[in-house]
């Protein structure tokens, strides 16, 4: 009975968006971004007329795994280069980002972050965002990590 109710709810939910199924999920990695074993850089979900792209948190490592700089601007630039390279795998860009999750070790550096971020996002319709100061990221020399969600129209 529980499974039937879940299936009925799912069908009603999806049909309310003009969709029959949301079962087309795809995982991609960009060869231009450092890959961590056991982690996908991104996944996409076909939502009918659009595709939602979810990115793992991106850190300021170049394709070889080297840290890019020791200041927030240089690290933010590398993070958004990584985001752009992953989105390119789907034919998307930073202008398609609808949501950002930002984790910084020093929130007082937010203006420096925004200066770089604004070069990559749609400023006419900026993404919704959450900014959280954290005591530490996965390495002491990493100052920022950014998660992104983008939406593109299907062709």
N, C-alpha and C. Protein backbone atom coordinates (compact mmCIF):
# COMPACT_ATOMS: atom_id res chain seq x y z
N UNK A 1 0.82 -1.20 0.00
CA UNK A 1 0.00 0.00 0.00
C UNK A 1 0.86 1.26 0.00
N UNK A 2 1.94 1.26 0.81
CA UNK A 2 2.82 2.41 0.90
C UNK A 2 3.47 2.71 -0.46
N UNK A 3 3.93 1.64 -1.16
CA UNK A 3 4.57 1.82 -2.47
C UNK A 3 3.58 2.40 -3.48
N UNK A 4 2.35 1.95 -3.43
CA UNK A 4 1.33 2.44 -4.36
C UNK A 4 1.09 3.93 -4.11
N UNK A 5 0.98 4.34 -2.85
CA UNK A 5 0.77 5.74 -2.54
C UNK A 5 1.94 6.60 -3.00
N UNK A 6 3.16 6.11 -2.82
CA UNK A 6 4.33 6.85 -3.27
C UNK A 6 4.32 6.99 -4.78
N UNK A 7 4.00 5.92 -5.49
CA UNK A 7 3.94 5.97 -6.96
C UNK A 7 2.86 6.93 -7.43
N UNK A 8 1.70 6.90 -6.80
CA UNK A 8 0.61 7.80 -7.17
C UNK A 8 1.03 9.24 -6.91
N UNK A 9 1.61 9.52 -5.75
CA UNK A 9 2.06 10.87 -5.43
C UNK A 9 3.09 11.34 -6.45
N UNK A 10 4.05 10.48 -6.78
CA UNK A 10 5.09 10.83 -7.74
C UNK A 10 4.48 11.16 -9.09
N UNK A 11 3.56 10.35 -9.55
CA UNK A 11 2.91 10.61 -10.84
C UNK A 11 2.13 11.92 -10.82
N UNK A 12 1.42 12.20 -9.73
CA UNK A 12 0.67 13.46 -9.62
C UNK A 12 1.64 14.64 -9.62
N UNK A 13 2.71 14.54 -8.82
CA UNK A 13 3.70 15.60 -8.73
C UNK A 13 4.33 15.88 -10.10
N UNK A 14 4.77 14.84 -10.77
CA UNK A 14 5.42 15.02 -12.06
C UNK A 14 4.45 15.51 -13.12
N UNK A 15 3.22 15.01 -13.10
CA UNK A 15 2.26 15.46 -14.11
C UNK A 15 1.88 16.92 -13.91
N UNK A 16 1.98 17.41 -12.67
CA UNK A 16 1.67 18.81 -12.43
C UNK A 16 2.70 19.73 -13.08
N UNK A 17 3.88 19.20 -13.40
CA UNK A 17 4.90 19.95 -14.10
C UNK A 17 4.96 19.55 -15.58
N UNK A 18 3.94 18.83 -16.05
CA UNK A 18 3.90 18.42 -17.44
C UNK A 18 4.94 17.37 -17.78
N UNK A 19 5.34 16.58 -16.82
CA UNK A 19 6.36 15.57 -17.03
C UNK A 19 5.80 14.19 -16.73
N UNK A 20 6.31 13.20 -17.43
CA UNK A 20 5.90 11.83 -17.17
C UNK A 20 6.85 11.16 -16.20
N UNK A 21 8.17 11.38 -16.39
CA UNK A 21 9.15 10.74 -15.53
C UNK A 21 10.35 11.65 -15.35
N UNK A 22 11.04 11.47 -14.24
CA UNK A 22 12.30 12.18 -14.00
C UNK A 22 13.38 11.15 -13.73
N UNK A 23 13.51 10.19 -14.62
CA UNK A 23 14.46 9.11 -14.36
C UNK A 23 15.74 9.21 -15.17
N UNK A 24 15.92 10.29 -15.91
CA UNK A 24 17.13 10.45 -16.70
C UNK A 24 18.18 11.20 -15.89
N UNK A 25 18.99 10.46 -15.17
CA UNK A 25 20.05 11.03 -14.35
C UNK A 25 21.38 10.65 -14.99
N UNK A 26 22.27 11.62 -15.11
CA UNK A 26 23.56 11.39 -15.74
C UNK A 26 24.66 12.02 -14.88
N UNK A 27 25.80 11.35 -14.79
CA UNK A 27 26.95 11.85 -14.03
C UNK A 27 28.06 12.19 -15.00
N UNK A 28 28.71 13.35 -14.78
CA UNK A 28 29.81 13.75 -15.66
C UNK A 28 30.95 14.35 -14.85
N UNK A 29 32.15 14.19 -15.40
CA UNK A 29 33.35 14.84 -14.89
C UNK A 29 34.01 15.56 -16.05
N UNK A 30 34.64 16.68 -15.77
CA UNK A 30 35.39 17.40 -16.78
C UNK A 30 36.86 17.00 -16.68
N UNK A 31 37.51 16.71 -17.81
CA UNK A 31 38.94 16.38 -17.76
C UNK A 31 39.79 17.60 -17.38
N UNK A 32 39.18 18.80 -17.40
CA UNK A 32 39.90 20.03 -17.08
C UNK A 32 39.83 20.39 -15.59
N UNK A 33 39.18 19.51 -14.81
CA UNK A 33 39.02 19.75 -13.37
C UNK A 33 39.56 18.53 -12.63
N UNK A 34 40.29 18.80 -11.54
CA UNK A 34 40.86 17.73 -10.73
C UNK A 34 39.74 16.81 -10.24
N UNK A 35 39.93 15.51 -10.42
CA UNK A 35 38.93 14.52 -10.03
C UNK A 35 39.36 13.83 -8.75
N UNK A 36 38.44 13.72 -7.82
CA UNK A 36 38.69 13.03 -6.57
C UNK A 36 38.01 11.67 -6.65
N UNK A 37 38.75 10.61 -6.37
CA UNK A 37 38.21 9.26 -6.44
C UNK A 37 37.00 9.11 -5.50
N UNK A 38 35.96 8.47 -6.00
CA UNK A 38 34.76 8.23 -5.21
C UNK A 38 33.80 9.39 -5.18
N UNK A 39 34.00 10.38 -6.07
CA UNK A 39 33.17 11.58 -6.08
C UNK A 39 32.91 11.99 -7.52
N UNK A 40 31.67 12.21 -7.88
CA UNK A 40 31.35 12.77 -9.19
C UNK A 40 31.40 14.28 -9.10
N UNK A 41 31.90 14.91 -10.14
CA UNK A 41 31.92 16.37 -10.16
C UNK A 41 30.52 16.93 -10.32
N UNK A 42 29.66 16.19 -11.05
CA UNK A 42 28.32 16.71 -11.31
C UNK A 42 27.36 15.60 -11.68
N UNK A 43 26.11 15.94 -11.55
CA UNK A 43 25.04 15.08 -12.03
C UNK A 43 23.98 15.96 -12.65
N UNK A 44 23.28 15.43 -13.63
CA UNK A 44 22.18 16.19 -14.23
C UNK A 44 20.92 15.35 -14.16
N UNK A 45 19.81 16.07 -14.07
CA UNK A 45 18.50 15.42 -14.00
C UNK A 45 17.64 16.02 -15.11
N UNK A 46 17.19 15.19 -16.02
CA UNK A 46 16.31 15.62 -17.10
C UNK A 46 14.92 15.83 -16.49
N UNK A 47 14.47 17.07 -16.52
CA UNK A 47 13.17 17.42 -15.94
C UNK A 47 12.12 17.69 -17.00
N UNK A 48 12.32 17.17 -18.19
CA UNK A 48 11.35 17.37 -19.27
C UNK A 48 11.83 18.46 -20.22
N UNK A 49 11.38 19.69 -20.01
CA UNK A 49 11.78 20.79 -20.89
C UNK A 49 13.11 21.43 -20.46
N UNK A 50 13.55 21.09 -19.25
CA UNK A 50 14.82 21.60 -18.75
C UNK A 50 15.65 20.47 -18.14
N UNK A 51 16.92 20.77 -17.93
CA UNK A 51 17.82 19.86 -17.23
C UNK A 51 18.42 20.62 -16.06
N UNK A 52 18.38 20.00 -14.87
CA UNK A 52 19.01 20.58 -13.69
C UNK A 52 20.38 19.93 -13.53
N UNK A 53 21.38 20.76 -13.31
CA UNK A 53 22.76 20.29 -13.16
C UNK A 53 23.21 20.65 -11.74
N UNK A 54 23.63 19.64 -11.00
CA UNK A 54 24.11 19.85 -9.64
C UNK A 54 25.59 19.55 -9.58
N UNK A 55 26.37 20.48 -9.05
CA UNK A 55 27.81 20.32 -8.96
C UNK A 55 28.23 20.05 -7.52
N UNK A 56 29.18 19.15 -7.38
CA UNK A 56 29.82 18.96 -6.08
C UNK A 56 30.53 20.26 -5.72
N UNK A 57 30.80 20.43 -4.44
CA UNK A 57 31.55 21.61 -4.01
C UNK A 57 32.87 21.69 -4.74
N UNK A 58 33.14 22.85 -5.32
CA UNK A 58 34.39 23.05 -6.07
C UNK A 58 35.37 23.83 -5.22
N UNK A 59 36.61 23.37 -5.22
CA UNK A 59 37.69 23.98 -4.45
C UNK A 59 38.74 24.51 -5.41
N UNK A 60 39.66 25.35 -4.92
CA UNK A 60 40.63 26.01 -5.80
C UNK A 60 41.84 25.15 -6.19
N UNK A 61 41.56 23.96 -6.71
CA UNK A 61 42.62 23.11 -7.22
C UNK A 61 42.57 23.13 -8.74
N UNK A 62 43.73 23.21 -9.38
CA UNK A 62 43.76 23.16 -10.84
C UNK A 62 43.63 21.71 -11.30
N UNK A 63 43.70 21.49 -12.60
CA UNK A 63 43.48 20.15 -13.15
C UNK A 63 44.48 19.12 -12.63
N UNK A 64 45.67 19.58 -12.25
CA UNK A 64 46.70 18.67 -11.73
C UNK A 64 46.59 18.47 -10.22
N UNK A 65 45.66 19.18 -9.59
CA UNK A 65 45.48 19.04 -8.15
C UNK A 65 46.29 20.03 -7.33
N UNK A 66 46.88 21.03 -8.00
CA UNK A 66 47.67 22.04 -7.30
C UNK A 66 46.78 23.18 -6.81
N UNK A 67 47.06 23.70 -5.63
CA UNK A 67 46.32 24.82 -5.08
C UNK A 67 46.61 26.08 -5.91
N UNK A 68 45.54 26.81 -6.23
CA UNK A 68 45.67 28.05 -6.99
C UNK A 68 45.67 29.22 -6.01
N UNK A 69 46.83 29.72 -5.68
CA UNK A 69 46.95 30.92 -4.85
C UNK A 69 46.68 30.72 -3.38
N UNK A 70 46.96 31.79 -2.65
CA UNK A 70 46.78 31.77 -1.19
C UNK A 70 45.89 32.92 -0.74
N UNK A 71 45.18 33.55 -1.68
CA UNK A 71 44.26 34.64 -1.35
C UNK A 71 42.88 34.30 -1.92
N UNK A 72 41.87 34.92 -1.38
CA UNK A 72 40.49 34.58 -1.73
C UNK A 72 40.17 34.88 -3.20
N UNK A 73 40.72 35.96 -3.76
CA UNK A 73 40.41 36.28 -5.16
C UNK A 73 40.97 35.22 -6.11
N UNK A 74 42.21 34.84 -5.93
CA UNK A 74 42.83 33.83 -6.81
C UNK A 74 42.12 32.49 -6.65
N UNK A 75 41.81 32.13 -5.41
CA UNK A 75 41.13 30.86 -5.18
C UNK A 75 39.72 30.89 -5.75
N UNK A 76 39.02 31.99 -5.60
CA UNK A 76 37.66 32.11 -6.15
C UNK A 76 37.69 32.01 -7.67
N UNK A 77 38.67 32.63 -8.29
CA UNK A 77 38.80 32.56 -9.76
C UNK A 77 38.96 31.11 -10.21
N UNK A 78 39.79 30.33 -9.50
CA UNK A 78 39.97 28.92 -9.86
C UNK A 78 38.70 28.12 -9.63
N UNK A 79 38.01 28.40 -8.55
CA UNK A 79 36.74 27.70 -8.27
C UNK A 79 35.76 27.93 -9.41
N UNK A 80 35.61 29.18 -9.86
CA UNK A 80 34.66 29.45 -10.93
C UNK A 80 35.14 28.95 -12.29
N UNK A 81 36.45 28.86 -12.50
CA UNK A 81 36.96 28.20 -13.72
C UNK A 81 36.55 26.73 -13.70
N UNK A 82 36.68 26.10 -12.54
CA UNK A 82 36.28 24.70 -12.41
C UNK A 82 34.79 24.55 -12.68
N UNK A 83 33.99 25.42 -12.09
CA UNK A 83 32.53 25.37 -12.31
C UNK A 83 32.22 25.53 -13.79
N UNK A 84 32.84 26.51 -14.44
CA UNK A 84 32.61 26.73 -15.88
C UNK A 84 33.00 25.49 -16.69
N UNK A 85 34.13 24.88 -16.37
CA UNK A 85 34.58 23.70 -17.12
C UNK A 85 33.62 22.53 -16.95
N UNK A 86 33.08 22.35 -15.77
CA UNK A 86 32.11 21.27 -15.57
C UNK A 86 30.81 21.60 -16.31
N UNK A 87 30.33 22.82 -16.19
CA UNK A 87 29.08 23.19 -16.87
C UNK A 87 29.21 23.07 -18.38
N UNK A 88 30.40 23.32 -18.89
CA UNK A 88 30.65 23.21 -20.34
C UNK A 88 30.35 21.80 -20.85
N UNK A 89 30.52 20.80 -20.00
CA UNK A 89 30.22 19.41 -20.37
C UNK A 89 28.74 19.24 -20.74
N UNK A 90 27.90 20.13 -20.27
CA UNK A 90 26.46 20.08 -20.53
C UNK A 90 26.02 21.16 -21.53
N UNK A 91 26.95 21.96 -22.03
CA UNK A 91 26.59 23.07 -22.90
C UNK A 91 26.07 24.26 -22.10
N UNK A 92 26.44 24.35 -20.83
CA UNK A 92 25.98 25.43 -19.96
C UNK A 92 27.15 26.33 -19.58
N UNK A 93 26.84 27.45 -18.94
CA UNK A 93 27.85 28.38 -18.43
C UNK A 93 27.42 28.85 -17.04
N UNK A 94 28.26 29.67 -16.44
CA UNK A 94 27.94 30.25 -15.15
C UNK A 94 26.69 31.11 -15.19
N UNK A 95 26.32 31.59 -16.35
CA UNK A 95 25.11 32.41 -16.49
C UNK A 95 23.85 31.57 -16.27
N UNK A 96 23.98 30.24 -16.31
CA UNK A 96 22.85 29.33 -16.09
C UNK A 96 22.70 28.92 -14.63
N UNK A 97 23.58 29.40 -13.77
CA UNK A 97 23.53 29.04 -12.34
C UNK A 97 22.31 29.69 -11.69
N UNK A 98 21.56 28.87 -10.95
CA UNK A 98 20.38 29.37 -10.24
C UNK A 98 20.56 29.35 -8.72
N UNK A 99 21.57 28.62 -8.23
CA UNK A 99 21.80 28.50 -6.79
C UNK A 99 23.28 28.30 -6.51
N UNK A 100 23.78 29.04 -5.53
CA UNK A 100 25.16 28.88 -5.06
C UNK A 100 25.15 28.62 -3.56
N UNK A 101 26.02 27.73 -3.14
CA UNK A 101 26.30 27.52 -1.73
C UNK A 101 27.77 27.82 -1.53
N UNK A 102 28.09 28.83 -0.73
CA UNK A 102 29.46 29.31 -0.58
C UNK A 102 29.92 29.05 0.85
N UNK A 103 31.09 28.45 0.97
CA UNK A 103 31.69 28.16 2.27
C UNK A 103 33.06 28.84 2.30
N UNK A 104 33.24 29.78 3.23
CA UNK A 104 34.48 30.55 3.33
C UNK A 104 35.03 30.46 4.75
N UNK A 105 36.35 30.49 4.85
CA UNK A 105 36.96 30.46 6.18
C UNK A 105 37.05 31.85 6.81
N UNK A 106 36.84 32.91 6.00
CA UNK A 106 36.89 34.28 6.52
C UNK A 106 35.83 35.11 5.80
N UNK A 107 34.69 35.27 6.45
CA UNK A 107 33.56 35.97 5.83
C UNK A 107 33.84 37.44 5.55
N UNK A 108 34.85 37.99 6.20
CA UNK A 108 35.20 39.40 5.94
C UNK A 108 35.75 39.58 4.52
N UNK A 109 36.09 38.48 3.86
CA UNK A 109 36.61 38.52 2.48
C UNK A 109 35.48 38.44 1.44
N UNK A 110 34.24 38.53 1.89
CA UNK A 110 33.09 38.43 0.98
C UNK A 110 33.15 39.43 -0.18
N UNK A 111 33.49 40.71 0.04
CA UNK A 111 33.58 41.63 -1.11
C UNK A 111 34.59 41.17 -2.17
N UNK A 112 35.71 40.60 -1.74
CA UNK A 112 36.71 40.09 -2.69
C UNK A 112 36.15 38.90 -3.47
N UNK A 113 35.41 38.04 -2.78
CA UNK A 113 34.75 36.92 -3.44
C UNK A 113 33.76 37.42 -4.48
N UNK A 114 32.90 38.37 -4.09
CA UNK A 114 31.85 38.87 -4.99
C UNK A 114 32.42 39.52 -6.25
N UNK A 115 33.56 40.20 -6.11
CA UNK A 115 34.18 40.84 -7.26
C UNK A 115 34.48 39.81 -8.36
N UNK A 116 34.97 38.64 -7.96
CA UNK A 116 35.27 37.58 -8.93
C UNK A 116 34.00 36.86 -9.36
N UNK A 117 33.16 36.50 -8.40
CA UNK A 117 31.90 35.81 -8.71
C UNK A 117 31.10 36.55 -9.78
N UNK A 118 31.05 37.87 -9.66
CA UNK A 118 30.24 38.68 -10.58
C UNK A 118 30.72 38.62 -12.02
N UNK A 119 31.93 38.14 -12.26
CA UNK A 119 32.44 37.96 -13.63
C UNK A 119 31.84 36.73 -14.29
N UNK A 120 31.25 35.83 -13.51
CA UNK A 120 30.80 34.54 -14.01
C UNK A 120 29.29 34.32 -13.99
N UNK A 121 28.56 35.05 -13.17
CA UNK A 121 27.12 34.79 -13.02
C UNK A 121 26.29 35.78 -13.82
N UNK A 122 25.00 35.51 -13.90
CA UNK A 122 24.04 36.40 -14.54
C UNK A 122 23.67 37.49 -13.54
N UNK A 123 24.17 38.69 -13.73
CA UNK A 123 23.91 39.77 -12.79
C UNK A 123 22.50 40.35 -12.93
N UNK A 124 21.86 40.13 -14.09
CA UNK A 124 20.49 40.60 -14.27
C UNK A 124 19.51 39.76 -13.45
N UNK A 125 19.80 38.48 -13.36
CA UNK A 125 19.02 37.53 -12.56
C UNK A 125 20.00 36.70 -11.75
N UNK A 126 20.54 37.27 -10.69
CA UNK A 126 21.56 36.55 -9.92
C UNK A 126 20.99 35.32 -9.23
N UNK A 127 21.84 34.32 -9.03
CA UNK A 127 21.37 33.09 -8.38
C UNK A 127 21.04 33.33 -6.90
N UNK A 128 20.13 32.52 -6.38
CA UNK A 128 19.92 32.52 -4.94
C UNK A 128 21.18 31.93 -4.32
N UNK A 129 21.50 32.37 -3.12
CA UNK A 129 22.77 31.96 -2.53
C UNK A 129 22.69 31.80 -1.03
N UNK A 130 23.57 30.96 -0.52
CA UNK A 130 23.81 30.84 0.91
C UNK A 130 25.30 31.00 1.11
N UNK A 131 25.68 31.81 2.09
CA UNK A 131 27.09 32.04 2.40
C UNK A 131 27.31 31.68 3.86
N UNK A 132 28.23 30.76 4.10
CA UNK A 132 28.49 30.27 5.44
C UNK A 132 29.97 30.38 5.75
N UNK A 133 30.28 30.97 6.91
CA UNK A 133 31.66 30.97 7.36
C UNK A 133 31.91 29.66 8.10
N UNK A 134 33.00 29.01 7.73
CA UNK A 134 33.37 27.74 8.37
C UNK A 134 34.74 27.88 9.02
N UNK A 135 34.99 27.09 10.04
CA UNK A 135 36.27 27.19 10.73
C UNK A 135 37.39 26.56 9.90
N UNK A 136 37.02 25.62 9.04
CA UNK A 136 38.05 24.91 8.27
C UNK A 136 37.39 24.18 7.12
N UNK A 137 38.12 24.07 6.00
CA UNK A 137 37.68 23.24 4.89
C UNK A 137 38.57 22.00 4.87
N UNK A 138 38.55 21.24 3.79
CA UNK A 138 39.23 19.94 3.81
C UNK A 138 40.76 20.03 3.90
N UNK A 139 41.30 21.21 3.62
CA UNK A 139 42.74 21.47 3.80
C UNK A 139 42.88 22.85 4.42
N UNK A 140 43.89 23.05 5.22
CA UNK A 140 44.08 24.35 5.89
C UNK A 140 44.34 25.50 4.92
N UNK A 141 44.92 25.21 3.74
CA UNK A 141 45.24 26.26 2.80
C UNK A 141 44.11 26.57 1.82
N UNK A 142 43.00 25.85 1.91
CA UNK A 142 41.83 26.11 1.08
C UNK A 142 40.93 27.08 1.82
N UNK A 143 40.64 28.21 1.19
CA UNK A 143 39.88 29.29 1.83
C UNK A 143 38.41 29.30 1.43
N UNK A 144 38.06 28.58 0.34
CA UNK A 144 36.70 28.67 -0.19
C UNK A 144 36.31 27.37 -0.88
N UNK A 145 35.02 27.05 -0.79
CA UNK A 145 34.42 25.95 -1.54
C UNK A 145 33.05 26.44 -1.99
N UNK A 146 32.68 26.14 -3.24
CA UNK A 146 31.41 26.62 -3.78
C UNK A 146 30.67 25.47 -4.44
N UNK A 147 29.41 25.29 -4.03
CA UNK A 147 28.49 24.36 -4.70
C UNK A 147 27.64 25.17 -5.66
N UNK A 148 27.25 24.56 -6.77
CA UNK A 148 26.43 25.27 -7.74
C UNK A 148 25.35 24.35 -8.30
N UNK A 149 24.22 24.96 -8.61
CA UNK A 149 23.14 24.29 -9.32
C UNK A 149 22.77 25.17 -10.50
N UNK A 150 22.67 24.57 -11.67
CA UNK A 150 22.32 25.30 -12.89
C UNK A 150 21.12 24.62 -13.54
N UNK A 151 20.41 25.39 -14.35
CA UNK A 151 19.28 24.86 -15.11
C UNK A 151 19.42 25.35 -16.55
N UNK A 152 19.30 24.40 -17.49
CA UNK A 152 19.34 24.74 -18.91
C UNK A 152 18.11 24.19 -19.60
N UNK A 153 17.74 24.82 -20.71
CA UNK A 153 16.62 24.33 -21.51
C UNK A 153 17.09 23.15 -22.35
N UNK A 154 16.23 22.15 -22.47
CA UNK A 154 16.54 21.01 -23.34
C UNK A 154 16.31 21.38 -24.77
N UNK A 155 17.11 20.81 -25.65
CA UNK A 155 16.99 21.09 -27.08
C UNK A 155 16.05 20.16 -27.76
